[in-house]
C-alpha atoms as a PDB file:
ATOM      1  CA  UNK A   1     118.187 110.293 102.476  1.00  0.00           C
ATOM      2  CA  UNK A   2     119.079 110.621 106.325  1.00  0.00           C
ATOM      3  CA  UNK A   3     116.631 109.168 108.971  1.00  0.00           C
ATOM      4  CA  UNK A   4     117.570 110.243 112.463  1.00  0.00           C
ATOM      5  CA  UNK A   5     115.303 107.753 114.975  1.00  0.00           C
ATOM      6  CA  UNK A   6     114.091 109.866 118.384  1.00  0.00           C
ATOM      7  CA  UNK A   7     111.767 108.750 121.231  1.00  0.00           C
ATOM      8  CA  UNK A   8     113.289 105.906 123.260  1.00  0.00           C
ATOM      9  CA  UNK A   9     113.794 105.704 126.648  1.00  0.00           C
ATOM     10  CA  UNK A  10     113.105 103.871 129.691  1.00  0.00           C
ATOM     11  CA  UNK A  11     109.820 103.123 130.546  1.00  0.00           C
ATOM     12  CA  UNK A  12     107.813 100.127 132.769  1.00  0.00           C
ATOM     13  CA  UNK A  13     106.119  97.581 131.151  1.00  0.00           C
ATOM     14  CA  UNK A  14     102.598  98.516 130.196  1.00  0.00           C
ATOM     15  CA  UNK A  15     103.538 101.983 129.708  1.00  0.00           C
ATOM     16  CA  UNK A  16     103.905 104.001 126.168  1.00  0.00           C
ATOM     17  CA  UNK A  17     106.367 105.773 124.225  1.00  0.00           C
ATOM     18  CA  UNK A  18     106.587 107.270 120.771  1.00  0.00           C
ATOM     19  CA  UNK A  19     109.355 107.383 118.353  1.00  0.00           C
ATOM     20  CA  UNK A  20     109.751 109.779 115.514  1.00  0.00           C
ATOM     21  CA  UNK A  21     111.634 109.445 112.941  1.00  0.00           C
ATOM     22  CA  UNK A  22     112.702 112.384 110.958  1.00  0.00           C
ATOM     23  CA  UNK A  23     114.086 112.752 107.433  1.00  0.00           C
ATOM     24  CA  UNK A  24     116.850 114.656 105.566  1.00  0.00           C
ATOM     25  CA  UNK A  25     118.078 115.449 103.038  1.00  0.00           C
ATOM     26  CA  UNK A  26     117.179 116.548  98.959  1.00  0.00           C
ATOM     27  CA  UNK A  27     114.257 114.294  98.455  1.00  0.00           C
ATOM     28  CA  UNK A  28     110.733 114.067  98.266  1.00  0.00           C
ATOM     29  CA  UNK A  29     109.445 111.791 101.534  1.00  0.00           C
ATOM     30  CA  UNK A  30     106.370 110.927  99.849  1.00  0.00           C
ATOM     31  CA  UNK A  31     108.328 108.662  97.313  1.00  0.00           C
ATOM     32  CA  UNK A  32     109.659 106.416 100.010  1.00  0.00           C
ATOM     33  CA  UNK A  33     107.722 103.644 101.928  1.00  0.00           C
ATOM     34  CA  UNK A  34     108.710 103.127 105.498  1.00  0.00           C
ATOM     35  CA  UNK A  35     109.283 100.765 108.498  1.00  0.00           C
ATOM     36  CA  UNK A  36     110.464 100.082 111.737  1.00  0.00           C
ATOM     37  CA  UNK A  37     112.514  97.596 113.173  1.00  0.00           C
ATOM     38  CA  UNK A  38     113.908  96.164 116.498  1.00  0.00           C
ATOM     39  CA  UNK A  39     116.892  94.478 117.806  1.00  0.00           C
ATOM     40  CA  UNK A  40     116.986  93.098 120.887  1.00  0.00           C
ATOM     41  CA  UNK A  41     119.493  91.747 123.510  1.00  0.00           C
ATOM     42  CA  UNK A  42     121.252  88.703 121.631  1.00  0.00           C
ATOM     43  CA  UNK A  43     118.764  88.436 118.920  1.00  0.00           C
ATOM     44  CA  UNK A  44     119.153  89.144 114.967  1.00  0.00           C
ATOM     45  CA  UNK A  45     117.188  92.735 113.676  1.00  0.00           C
ATOM     46  CA  UNK A  46     113.515  92.302 113.189  1.00  0.00           C
ATOM     47  CA  UNK A  47     110.182  93.531 111.366  1.00  0.00           C
ATOM     48  CA  UNK A  48     108.058  95.700 113.569  1.00  0.00           C
ATOM     49  CA  UNK A  49     105.928  97.759 111.401  1.00  0.00           C
ATOM     50  CA  UNK A  50     104.994  99.290 107.959  1.00  0.00           C
ATOM     51  CA  UNK A  51     103.709 101.526 106.291  1.00  0.00           C
ATOM     52  CA  UNK A  52     103.012 102.967 102.468  1.00  0.00           C
ATOM     53  CA  UNK A  53     103.915 105.660 101.097  1.00  0.00           C
ATOM     54  CA  UNK A  54     100.612 107.780 100.754  1.00  0.00           C
ATOM     55  CA  UNK A  55     100.074 105.658 104.647  1.00  0.00           C
ATOM     56  CA  UNK A  56      96.674 104.165 103.601  1.00  0.00           C
ATOM     57  CA  UNK A  57      98.660 100.708 104.119  1.00  0.00           C
ATOM     58  CA  UNK A  58     100.174  99.266 107.034  1.00  0.00           C
ATOM     59  CA  UNK A  59     101.236  96.070 108.420  1.00  0.00           C
ATOM     60  CA  UNK A  60     102.333  94.763 111.537  1.00  0.00           C
ATOM     61  CA  UNK A  61     104.559  92.026 113.458  1.00  0.00           C
ATOM     62  CA  UNK A  62     102.108  89.294 114.850  1.00  0.00           C
ATOM     63  CA  UNK A  63     103.743  90.844 118.189  1.00  0.00           C
ATOM     64  CA  UNK A  64     103.153  94.012 118.547  1.00  0.00           C
ATOM     65  CA  UNK A  65      99.758  94.224 116.136  1.00  0.00           C
ATOM     66  CA  UNK A  66      96.971  95.826 118.698  1.00  0.00           C
ATOM     67  CA  UNK A  67      99.649  97.887 120.647  1.00  0.00           C
ATOM     68  CA  UNK A  68     101.692  99.697 118.055  1.00  0.00           C
ATOM     69  CA  UNK A  69     100.625 102.329 115.484  1.00  0.00           C
ATOM     70  CA  UNK A  70     102.708 103.416 112.776  1.00  0.00           C
ATOM     71  CA  UNK A  71     101.368 107.001 111.224  1.00  0.00           C
ATOM     72  CA  UNK A  72     103.194 109.433 108.499  1.00  0.00           C
ATOM     73  CA  UNK A  73     103.051 112.890 108.199  1.00  0.00           C
ATOM     74  CA  UNK A  74     105.148 113.740 104.625  1.00  0.00           C
ATOM     75  CA  UNK A  75     104.631 117.518 105.055  1.00  0.00           C
ATOM     76  CA  UNK A  76     106.560 116.694 107.803  1.00  0.00           C
ATOM     77  CA  UNK A  77     108.724 114.377 106.114  1.00  0.00           C
ATOM     78  CA  UNK A  78     108.440 112.092 109.968  1.00  0.00           C
ATOM     79  CA  UNK A  79     106.964 108.781 110.385  1.00  0.00           C
ATOM     80  CA  UNK A  80     106.184 107.460 113.730  1.00  0.00           C
ATOM     81  CA  UNK A  81     105.412 104.488 116.506  1.00  0.00           C
ATOM     82  CA  UNK A  82     103.537 104.709 118.483  1.00  0.00           C
ATOM     83  CA  UNK A  83     103.746 102.183 121.467  1.00  0.00           C
ATOM     84  CA  UNK A  84     101.175 101.233 124.105  1.00  0.00           C
ATOM     85  CA  UNK A  85     101.070  98.445 126.077  1.00  0.00           C
ATOM     86  CA  UNK A  86     104.777  98.079 126.493  1.00  0.00           C
ATOM     87  CA  UNK A  87     106.101  93.977 127.399  1.00  0.00           C
ATOM     88  CA  UNK A  88     109.716  93.780 128.660  1.00  0.00           C
ATOM     89  CA  UNK A  89     110.176  91.824 125.929  1.00  0.00           C
ATOM     90  CA  UNK A  90     109.919  94.564 123.273  1.00  0.00           C
ATOM     91  CA  UNK A  91     113.266  96.298 124.485  1.00  0.00           C
ATOM     92  CA  UNK A  92     115.320  96.671 121.659  1.00  0.00           C
ATOM     93  CA  UNK A  93     117.126  99.112 119.692  1.00  0.00           C
ATOM     94  CA  UNK A  94     114.470 100.402 117.370  1.00  0.00           C
ATOM     95  CA  UNK A  95     115.948 101.610 113.663  1.00  0.00           C
ATOM     96  CA  UNK A  96     113.667 103.391 111.250  1.00  0.00           C
ATOM     97  CA  UNK A  97     114.618 102.471 107.568  1.00  0.00           C
ATOM     98  CA  UNK A  98     113.179 104.063 103.853  1.00  0.00           C
ATOM     99  CA  UNK A  99     112.888 102.354 100.539  1.00  0.00           C
ATOM    100  CA  UNK A 100     112.077 104.605  97.434  1.00  0.00           C
ATOM    101  CA  UNK A 101     109.657 102.905  95.322  1.00  0.00           C
ATOM    102  CA  UNK A 102     107.333 104.244  92.319  1.00  0.00           C
ATOM    103  CA  UNK A 103     104.397 102.014  94.164  1.00  0.00           C
ATOM    104  CA  UNK A 104     101.906 104.502  96.619  1.00  0.00           C
ATOM    105  CA  UNK A 105      99.588 101.904  98.251  1.00  0.00           C
ATOM    106  CA  UNK A 106     102.509  98.884  98.660  1.00  0.00           C
ATOM    107  CA  UNK A 107     104.777  98.132 102.387  1.00  0.00           C
ATOM    108  CA  UNK A 108     107.515  96.186 102.263  1.00  0.00           C
ATOM    109  CA  UNK A 109     108.382  93.439 104.961  1.00  0.00           C
ATOM    110  CA  UNK A 110     112.042  92.564 105.184  1.00  0.00           C
ATOM    111  CA  UNK A 111     114.916  94.613 106.066  1.00  0.00           C
ATOM    112  CA  UNK A 112     116.503  93.792 102.376  1.00  0.00           C
ATOM    113  CA  UNK A 113     113.931  95.771 100.745  1.00  0.00           C
ATOM    114  CA  UNK A 114     114.950  98.402 102.395  1.00  0.00           C
ATOM    115  CA  UNK A 115     117.937 101.267 101.130  1.00  0.00           C
ATOM    116  CA  UNK A 116     118.556 104.026 104.089  1.00  0.00           C
ATOM    117  CA  UNK A 117     118.412 103.268 107.238  1.00  0.00           C
ATOM    118  CA  UNK A 118     118.941 105.136 110.943  1.00  0.00           C
ATOM    119  CA  UNK A 119     120.988 104.937 113.107  1.00  0.00           C
ATOM    120  CA  UNK A 120     118.633 103.511 116.151  1.00  0.00           C
ATOM    121  CA  UNK A 121     117.239 104.266 119.239  1.00  0.00           C
ATOM    122  CA  UNK A 122     116.913 102.312 122.236  1.00  0.00           C
ATOM    123  CA  UNK A 123     113.759 101.201 123.831  1.00  0.00           C
ATOM    124  CA  UNK A 124     114.262  99.606 127.274  1.00  0.00           C
ATOM    125  CA  UNK A 125     111.137  98.205 129.061  1.00  0.00           C
ATOM    126  CA  UNK A 126     111.181  97.360 133.324  1.00  0.00           C
ATOM    127  CA  UNK A 127     109.151  95.067 134.408  1.00  0.00           C
END
């Protein structure tokens, strides 16, 4: 599966952005659990949010809980990340990732569990 993230940009603190990640290729999108990660300047890549194959289970990093929402549309082969109340510390390149699994309601929280990665989209939050 190929993943392409989009929707990044420059926003003021307190603003919102919606990231999308489209999957393509000879795949059954609903066979993959999905996640978002980010890598800020001078930092290691970190987990942001994850969602199960059928979308019934989600998990968030403490730093974004209550502000970000992950969702998926299996009919459109997309996973989204709605980001509200953005902070300067949210500035990073955001990556979507996918892991094929037979488990319908589990999510993955570490980058090592994901097999496929998109190229990333830059999010910059100004103060």
